[in-house]
């Protein structure tokens, strides 16, 4: 057990006990929720995009579940502002595990990546609807 991973464990517990950006946002650009059935984790994210419709401006989340899923959501809510939807989409599980900074057992990877998946799925739906709006208004 190295000193480093102990520090990260403390960080995860801190985010779990004192989640950042917990709550709801007024008039989010999109809201999406997801569940990790194997662990019972539930997360819902509100995302407000900037005027460009591409850049994340504010993020809030609420949910319930294990420390890893909740800490991951809290950390992600701090990381996302300033990122574009394309950058959000490009994130993968390694980014999330790097962000958490601890070895995640295969059983817990789903807990760790739930937050990322919820935001990515929400962004994908939002972008799909934006495309639909464009095609329907051109008629």
N, C-alpha and C. Protein backbone atom coordinates (compact mmCIF):
# COMPACT_ATOMS: atom_id res chain seq x y z
N UNK A 1 0.86 -1.20 0.00
CA UNK A 1 0.00 0.00 0.00
C UNK A 1 0.89 1.24 0.00
N UNK A 2 0.91 1.94 -1.10
CA UNK A 2 1.75 3.13 -1.17
C UNK A 2 1.02 4.32 -0.57
N UNK A 3 1.78 5.31 -0.19
CA UNK A 3 1.25 6.53 0.39
C UNK A 3 0.27 7.19 -0.59
N UNK A 4 0.65 7.17 -1.87
CA UNK A 4 -0.14 7.85 -2.89
C UNK A 4 -1.58 7.38 -2.93
N UNK A 5 -1.77 6.06 -2.95
CA UNK A 5 -3.13 5.55 -3.10
C UNK A 5 -3.94 5.88 -1.85
N UNK A 6 -3.28 5.98 -0.71
CA UNK A 6 -3.97 6.33 0.52
C UNK A 6 -4.53 7.75 0.45
N UNK A 7 -3.73 8.64 -0.13
CA UNK A 7 -4.16 10.02 -0.30
C UNK A 7 -5.40 10.07 -1.21
N UNK A 8 -5.35 9.28 -2.29
CA UNK A 8 -6.49 9.25 -3.21
C UNK A 8 -7.73 8.67 -2.55
N UNK A 9 -7.51 7.65 -1.69
CA UNK A 9 -8.67 7.09 -0.98
C UNK A 9 -9.32 8.17 -0.14
N UNK A 10 -8.49 8.98 0.52
CA UNK A 10 -9.02 10.09 1.32
C UNK A 10 -9.82 11.03 0.44
N UNK A 11 -9.29 11.29 -0.76
CA UNK A 11 -9.95 12.20 -1.70
C UNK A 11 -11.32 11.64 -2.11
N UNK A 12 -11.38 10.34 -2.35
CA UNK A 12 -12.65 9.71 -2.73
C UNK A 12 -13.65 9.83 -1.59
N UNK A 13 -13.19 9.56 -0.38
CA UNK A 13 -14.09 9.67 0.78
C UNK A 13 -14.55 11.11 0.97
N UNK A 14 -13.66 12.04 0.73
CA UNK A 14 -14.01 13.46 0.89
C UNK A 14 -15.10 13.85 -0.12
N UNK A 15 -14.93 13.44 -1.36
CA UNK A 15 -15.95 13.75 -2.38
C UNK A 15 -17.26 13.04 -2.08
N UNK A 16 -17.16 11.84 -1.52
CA UNK A 16 -18.36 11.07 -1.18
C UNK A 16 -19.13 11.76 -0.05
N UNK A 17 -18.38 12.22 0.95
CA UNK A 17 -19.03 12.84 2.11
C UNK A 17 -19.45 14.27 1.84
N UNK A 18 -18.65 14.97 1.03
CA UNK A 18 -18.95 16.37 0.71
C UNK A 18 -18.98 16.55 -0.80
N UNK A 19 -20.00 16.00 -1.45
CA UNK A 19 -20.01 16.06 -2.92
C UNK A 19 -20.06 17.49 -3.43
N UNK A 20 -19.26 17.77 -4.45
CA UNK A 20 -19.26 19.10 -5.08
C UNK A 20 -20.40 19.14 -6.09
N UNK A 21 -20.99 20.30 -6.24
CA UNK A 21 -22.03 20.52 -7.26
C UNK A 21 -23.21 19.56 -7.12
N UNK A 22 -23.54 19.23 -5.86
CA UNK A 22 -24.68 18.34 -5.64
C UNK A 22 -25.94 19.17 -5.67
N UNK A 23 -26.95 18.69 -6.41
CA UNK A 23 -28.21 19.43 -6.45
C UNK A 23 -28.74 19.51 -7.86
N UNK A 24 -29.51 20.56 -8.12
CA UNK A 24 -30.14 20.71 -9.42
C UNK A 24 -29.78 22.07 -10.00
N UNK A 25 -29.89 22.18 -11.33
CA UNK A 25 -29.68 23.46 -12.00
C UNK A 25 -31.00 23.90 -12.63
N UNK A 26 -31.23 25.20 -12.61
CA UNK A 26 -32.39 25.77 -13.30
C UNK A 26 -32.19 25.65 -14.80
N UNK A 27 -33.21 25.23 -15.50
CA UNK A 27 -33.20 25.18 -16.97
C UNK A 27 -31.91 24.61 -17.56
N UNK A 28 -31.61 23.37 -17.22
CA UNK A 28 -30.40 22.77 -17.82
C UNK A 28 -30.59 22.57 -19.33
N UNK A 29 -29.50 22.57 -20.06
CA UNK A 29 -29.54 22.27 -21.49
C UNK A 29 -29.99 20.82 -21.68
N UNK A 30 -29.51 19.95 -20.80
CA UNK A 30 -30.03 18.59 -20.79
C UNK A 30 -29.85 17.97 -19.41
N UNK A 31 -30.69 17.02 -19.14
CA UNK A 31 -30.66 16.25 -17.89
C UNK A 31 -30.70 14.79 -18.30
N UNK A 32 -29.90 13.99 -17.62
CA UNK A 32 -29.93 12.57 -17.95
C UNK A 32 -29.66 11.77 -16.68
N UNK A 33 -30.27 10.60 -16.60
CA UNK A 33 -30.01 9.76 -15.43
C UNK A 33 -29.63 8.37 -15.87
N UNK A 34 -28.96 7.69 -14.98
CA UNK A 34 -28.54 6.32 -15.28
C UNK A 34 -28.42 5.53 -14.00
N UNK A 35 -28.45 4.22 -14.16
CA UNK A 35 -28.40 3.31 -13.02
C UNK A 35 -27.37 2.23 -13.31
N UNK A 36 -26.65 1.84 -12.29
CA UNK A 36 -25.76 0.69 -12.39
C UNK A 36 -26.44 -0.45 -11.64
N UNK A 37 -27.11 -1.35 -12.36
CA UNK A 37 -27.92 -2.36 -11.69
C UNK A 37 -27.12 -3.29 -10.79
N UNK A 38 -25.85 -3.53 -11.12
CA UNK A 38 -25.09 -4.49 -10.32
C UNK A 38 -24.83 -3.96 -8.91
N UNK A 39 -24.82 -2.64 -8.74
CA UNK A 39 -24.49 -2.07 -7.43
C UNK A 39 -25.64 -1.23 -6.88
N UNK A 40 -26.59 -0.89 -7.77
CA UNK A 40 -27.70 -0.06 -7.31
C UNK A 40 -27.39 1.43 -7.30
N UNK A 41 -26.26 1.81 -7.90
CA UNK A 41 -25.93 3.24 -7.97
C UNK A 41 -26.89 3.94 -8.92
N UNK A 42 -27.32 5.13 -8.52
CA UNK A 42 -28.16 5.95 -9.39
C UNK A 42 -27.57 7.34 -9.45
N UNK A 43 -27.51 7.89 -10.65
CA UNK A 43 -27.01 9.25 -10.82
C UNK A 43 -27.86 9.99 -11.82
N UNK A 44 -28.07 11.27 -11.55
CA UNK A 44 -28.75 12.14 -12.50
C UNK A 44 -27.93 13.42 -12.61
N UNK A 45 -27.64 13.81 -13.84
CA UNK A 45 -26.84 15.01 -14.09
C UNK A 45 -27.67 16.07 -14.80
N UNK A 46 -27.50 17.32 -14.39
CA UNK A 46 -28.00 18.49 -15.11
C UNK A 46 -26.77 19.17 -15.71
N UNK A 47 -26.85 19.50 -16.99
CA UNK A 47 -25.74 20.17 -17.66
C UNK A 47 -26.26 21.44 -18.33
N UNK A 48 -25.60 22.55 -18.03
CA UNK A 48 -25.92 23.82 -18.70
C UNK A 48 -24.77 24.12 -19.65
N UNK A 49 -25.12 24.32 -20.92
CA UNK A 49 -24.12 24.64 -21.93
C UNK A 49 -24.05 26.15 -22.13
N UNK A 50 -22.88 26.61 -22.59
CA UNK A 50 -22.71 28.02 -22.88
C UNK A 50 -23.49 28.43 -24.12
N UNK A 51 -23.40 29.69 -24.47
CA UNK A 51 -24.14 30.23 -25.61
C UNK A 51 -23.79 29.53 -26.92
N UNK A 52 -22.59 28.95 -26.98
CA UNK A 52 -22.19 28.26 -28.22
C UNK A 52 -22.90 26.91 -28.38
N UNK A 53 -23.60 26.47 -27.34
CA UNK A 53 -24.30 25.18 -27.40
C UNK A 53 -23.36 23.99 -27.41
N UNK A 54 -22.09 24.23 -27.13
CA UNK A 54 -21.06 23.18 -27.22
C UNK A 54 -20.25 23.03 -25.94
N UNK A 55 -20.07 24.13 -25.23
CA UNK A 55 -19.16 24.12 -24.09
C UNK A 55 -19.94 24.01 -22.79
N UNK A 56 -19.50 23.08 -21.95
CA UNK A 56 -20.16 22.88 -20.66
C UNK A 56 -19.86 24.09 -19.77
N UNK A 57 -20.93 24.68 -19.25
CA UNK A 57 -20.76 25.84 -18.38
C UNK A 57 -20.90 25.45 -16.90
N UNK A 58 -22.00 24.73 -16.61
CA UNK A 58 -22.23 24.31 -15.22
C UNK A 58 -22.77 22.90 -15.19
N UNK A 59 -22.46 22.22 -14.11
CA UNK A 59 -22.91 20.84 -13.95
C UNK A 59 -23.39 20.65 -12.52
N UNK A 60 -24.49 19.94 -12.35
CA UNK A 60 -24.91 19.52 -11.02
C UNK A 60 -25.37 18.07 -11.14
N UNK A 61 -25.27 17.37 -10.02
CA UNK A 61 -25.73 15.99 -10.05
C UNK A 61 -26.39 15.66 -8.73
N UNK A 62 -27.21 14.62 -8.78
CA UNK A 62 -27.74 14.07 -7.55
C UNK A 62 -27.79 12.57 -7.74
N UNK A 63 -27.79 11.87 -6.64
CA UNK A 63 -27.82 10.43 -6.79
C UNK A 63 -27.55 9.74 -5.48
N UNK A 64 -27.38 8.46 -5.60
CA UNK A 64 -27.24 7.63 -4.44
C UNK A 64 -26.44 6.42 -4.87
N UNK A 65 -25.60 5.95 -4.01
CA UNK A 65 -24.84 4.75 -4.36
C UNK A 65 -23.55 4.66 -3.57
N UNK A 66 -22.67 3.82 -4.06
CA UNK A 66 -21.43 3.55 -3.35
C UNK A 66 -20.48 4.76 -3.45
N UNK A 67 -19.48 4.75 -2.61
CA UNK A 67 -18.54 5.87 -2.54
C UNK A 67 -17.89 6.14 -3.88
N UNK A 68 -17.54 5.08 -4.60
CA UNK A 68 -16.83 5.28 -5.87
C UNK A 68 -17.72 5.97 -6.90
N UNK A 69 -18.97 5.54 -7.00
CA UNK A 69 -19.86 6.16 -8.00
C UNK A 69 -20.12 7.62 -7.65
N UNK A 70 -20.31 7.91 -6.37
CA UNK A 70 -20.64 9.27 -5.97
C UNK A 70 -19.41 10.18 -6.05
N UNK A 71 -18.26 9.67 -5.66
CA UNK A 71 -17.03 10.47 -5.74
C UNK A 71 -16.68 10.75 -7.20
N UNK A 72 -16.89 9.76 -8.05
CA UNK A 72 -16.62 9.93 -9.48
C UNK A 72 -17.53 11.02 -10.05
N UNK A 73 -18.80 11.02 -9.65
CA UNK A 73 -19.74 12.04 -10.12
C UNK A 73 -19.32 13.42 -9.64
N UNK A 74 -18.90 13.50 -8.38
CA UNK A 74 -18.48 14.78 -7.81
C UNK A 74 -17.24 15.31 -8.52
N UNK A 75 -16.25 14.45 -8.73
CA UNK A 75 -15.03 14.88 -9.41
C UNK A 75 -15.32 15.27 -10.85
N UNK A 76 -16.17 14.48 -11.52
CA UNK A 76 -16.50 14.77 -12.91
C UNK A 76 -17.22 16.12 -13.02
N UNK A 77 -18.06 16.42 -12.03
CA UNK A 77 -18.80 17.69 -12.07
C UNK A 77 -17.86 18.89 -11.98
N UNK A 78 -16.66 18.66 -11.42
CA UNK A 78 -15.66 19.74 -11.36
C UNK A 78 -14.81 19.79 -12.62
N UNK A 79 -14.67 18.64 -13.26
CA UNK A 79 -13.80 18.53 -14.42
C UNK A 79 -14.48 19.01 -15.71
N UNK A 80 -15.80 18.82 -15.80
CA UNK A 80 -16.52 19.07 -17.05
C UNK A 80 -16.60 20.53 -17.48
N UNK A 81 -16.85 21.48 -16.55
CA UNK A 81 -16.98 22.87 -17.02
C UNK A 81 -15.76 23.32 -17.82
N UNK A 82 -16.04 23.90 -18.99
CA UNK A 82 -14.96 24.33 -19.88
C UNK A 82 -14.69 23.33 -20.98
N UNK A 83 -15.17 22.09 -20.81
CA UNK A 83 -14.99 21.08 -21.85
C UNK A 83 -16.09 21.22 -22.90
N UNK A 84 -15.77 20.88 -24.14
CA UNK A 84 -16.81 20.85 -25.17
C UNK A 84 -17.48 19.48 -25.14
N UNK A 85 -18.65 19.40 -25.76
CA UNK A 85 -19.34 18.11 -25.82
C UNK A 85 -18.49 17.07 -26.55
N UNK A 86 -17.74 17.51 -27.56
CA UNK A 86 -16.85 16.58 -28.28
C UNK A 86 -15.79 16.03 -27.34
N UNK A 87 -15.26 16.89 -26.46
CA UNK A 87 -14.25 16.43 -25.50
C UNK A 87 -14.87 15.49 -24.46
N UNK A 88 -16.09 15.81 -24.07
CA UNK A 88 -16.80 14.94 -23.12
C UNK A 88 -16.99 13.57 -23.77
N UNK A 89 -17.40 13.58 -25.01
CA UNK A 89 -17.66 12.34 -25.74
C UNK A 89 -16.38 11.50 -25.89
N UNK A 90 -15.25 12.18 -25.99
CA UNK A 90 -13.98 11.49 -26.22
C UNK A 90 -13.41 10.85 -24.94
N UNK A 91 -13.96 11.19 -23.79
CA UNK A 91 -13.46 10.61 -22.54
C UNK A 91 -13.74 9.11 -22.53
N UNK A 92 -12.82 8.37 -21.92
CA UNK A 92 -13.08 6.93 -21.76
C UNK A 92 -12.83 6.52 -20.32
N UNK A 93 -13.00 5.24 -20.06
CA UNK A 93 -12.92 4.79 -18.67
C UNK A 93 -11.54 5.05 -18.06
N UNK A 94 -10.49 5.04 -18.89
CA UNK A 94 -9.16 5.31 -18.35
C UNK A 94 -9.08 6.73 -17.80
N UNK A 95 -9.74 7.68 -18.47
CA UNK A 95 -9.75 9.06 -17.98
C UNK A 95 -10.38 9.12 -16.59
N UNK A 96 -11.47 8.36 -16.43
CA UNK A 96 -12.19 8.37 -15.16
C UNK A 96 -11.34 7.72 -14.07
N UNK A 97 -10.70 6.61 -14.41
CA UNK A 97 -9.89 5.91 -13.42
C UNK A 97 -8.66 6.74 -13.05
N UNK A 98 -8.09 7.44 -14.04
CA UNK A 98 -6.98 8.37 -13.74
C UNK A 98 -7.46 9.47 -12.80
N UNK A 99 -8.65 9.99 -13.06
CA UNK A 99 -9.21 11.06 -12.25
C UNK A 99 -9.39 10.59 -10.81
N UNK A 100 -9.87 9.36 -10.64
CA UNK A 100 -10.07 8.82 -9.30
C UNK A 100 -8.74 8.52 -8.62
N UNK A 101 -7.77 8.10 -9.41
CA UNK A 101 -6.42 7.92 -8.89
C UNK A 101 -6.19 6.67 -8.08
N UNK A 102 -7.13 5.74 -8.09
CA UNK A 102 -6.91 4.49 -7.36
C UNK A 102 -7.12 3.33 -8.31
N UNK A 103 -6.55 2.20 -7.95
CA UNK A 103 -6.80 0.97 -8.69
C UNK A 103 -8.27 0.61 -8.49
N UNK A 104 -8.97 0.41 -9.57
CA UNK A 104 -10.37 0.03 -9.47
C UNK A 104 -10.49 -1.43 -9.88
N UNK A 105 -11.06 -2.24 -9.01
CA UNK A 105 -11.22 -3.66 -9.35
C UNK A 105 -12.24 -3.78 -10.47
N UNK A 106 -12.11 -4.84 -11.28
CA UNK A 106 -13.04 -5.00 -12.41
C UNK A 106 -14.51 -4.91 -11.98
N UNK A 107 -14.80 -5.39 -10.79
CA UNK A 107 -16.18 -5.34 -10.29
C UNK A 107 -16.67 -3.90 -10.10
N UNK A 108 -15.74 -2.99 -9.82
CA UNK A 108 -16.11 -1.62 -9.47
C UNK A 108 -16.02 -0.65 -10.63
N UNK A 109 -15.52 -1.13 -11.77
CA UNK A 109 -15.35 -0.21 -12.91
C UNK A 109 -16.69 0.40 -13.30
N UNK A 110 -17.76 -0.40 -13.27
CA UNK A 110 -19.08 0.13 -13.62
C UNK A 110 -19.48 1.27 -12.69
N UNK A 111 -19.13 1.13 -11.42
CA UNK A 111 -19.45 2.20 -10.45
C UNK A 111 -18.68 3.46 -10.81
N UNK A 112 -17.41 3.27 -11.17
CA UNK A 112 -16.53 4.40 -11.46
C UNK A 112 -16.96 5.16 -12.71
N UNK A 113 -17.41 4.42 -13.73
CA UNK A 113 -17.68 5.07 -15.02
C UNK A 113 -19.14 5.46 -15.20
N UNK A 114 -19.98 5.18 -14.20
CA UNK A 114 -21.41 5.50 -14.36
C UNK A 114 -21.61 6.99 -14.65
N UNK A 115 -20.95 7.85 -13.89
CA UNK A 115 -21.13 9.30 -14.06
C UNK A 115 -20.77 9.72 -15.48
N UNK A 116 -19.62 9.26 -15.95
CA UNK A 116 -19.17 9.60 -17.30
C UNK A 116 -20.20 9.12 -18.33
N UNK A 117 -20.70 7.91 -18.15
CA UNK A 117 -21.64 7.33 -19.10
C UNK A 117 -22.95 8.13 -19.12
N UNK A 118 -23.42 8.52 -17.95
CA UNK A 118 -24.68 9.28 -17.87
C UNK A 118 -24.54 10.60 -18.64
N UNK A 119 -23.43 11.31 -18.41
CA UNK A 119 -23.23 12.60 -19.08
C UNK A 119 -23.06 12.39 -20.59
N UNK A 120 -22.30 11.37 -20.98
CA UNK A 120 -22.10 11.12 -22.41
C UNK A 120 -23.41 10.75 -23.10
N UNK A 121 -24.20 9.90 -22.47
CA UNK A 121 -25.48 9.51 -23.06
C UNK A 121 -26.40 10.72 -23.17
N UNK A 122 -26.42 11.54 -22.12
CA UNK A 122 -27.24 12.75 -22.14
C UNK A 122 -26.83 13.69 -23.25
N UNK A 123 -25.52 13.85 -23.43
CA UNK A 123 -24.98 14.74 -24.46
C UNK A 123 -25.34 14.21 -25.85
N UNK A 124 -25.26 12.88 -26.00
CA UNK A 124 -25.56 12.27 -27.29
C UNK A 124 -27.03 12.49 -27.67
N UNK A 125 -27.91 12.31 -26.69
CA UNK A 125 -29.34 12.53 -26.93
C UNK A 125 -29.59 14.00 -27.27
N UNK A 126 -28.96 14.89 -26.49
CA UNK A 126 -29.10 16.33 -26.73
C UNK A 126 -28.65 16.69 -28.14
N UNK A 127 -27.50 16.18 -28.53
CA UNK A 127 -26.97 16.50 -29.87
C UNK A 127 -27.85 15.91 -30.96
N UNK A 128 -28.39 14.71 -30.73
CA UNK A 128 -29.29 14.09 -31.68
C UNK A 128 -30.55 14.92 -31.87
N UNK A 129 -31.08 15.45 -30.75
CA UNK A 129 -32.28 16.27 -30.83
C UNK A 129 -31.99 17.60 -31.53
N UNK A 130 -30.76 18.10 -31.30
CA UNK A 130 -30.36 19.35 -31.96
C UNK A 130 -30.33 19.13 -33.47
N UNK A 131 -29.79 17.99 -33.88
CA UNK A 131 -29.75 17.65 -35.31
C UNK A 131 -31.17 17.56 -35.87
N UNK A 132 -32.05 16.92 -35.12
CA UNK A 132 -33.44 16.77 -35.55
C UNK A 132 -34.09 18.14 -35.72
N UNK A 133 -33.85 19.02 -34.76
CA UNK A 133 -34.42 20.39 -34.84
C UNK A 133 -33.96 21.05 -36.13
N UNK A 134 -32.69 20.91 -36.45
CA UNK A 134 -32.15 21.53 -37.66
C UNK A 134 -32.85 21.01 -38.89
N UNK A 135 -33.04 19.70 -38.96
CA UNK A 135 -33.64 19.14 -40.17
C UNK A 135 -35.12 19.48 -40.28
N UNK A 136 -35.81 19.57 -39.14
CA UNK A 136 -37.25 19.86 -39.23
C UNK A 136 -37.52 21.33 -39.51
N UNK A 137 -36.64 22.22 -39.06
CA UNK A 137 -36.91 23.66 -39.27
C UNK A 137 -36.55 24.09 -40.68
N UNK A 138 -35.80 23.28 -41.40
CA UNK A 138 -35.39 23.68 -42.75
C UNK A 138 -36.47 23.46 -43.79
N UNK A 139 -37.47 22.65 -43.46
CA UNK A 139 -38.55 22.36 -44.44
C UNK A 139 -39.35 23.59 -44.82
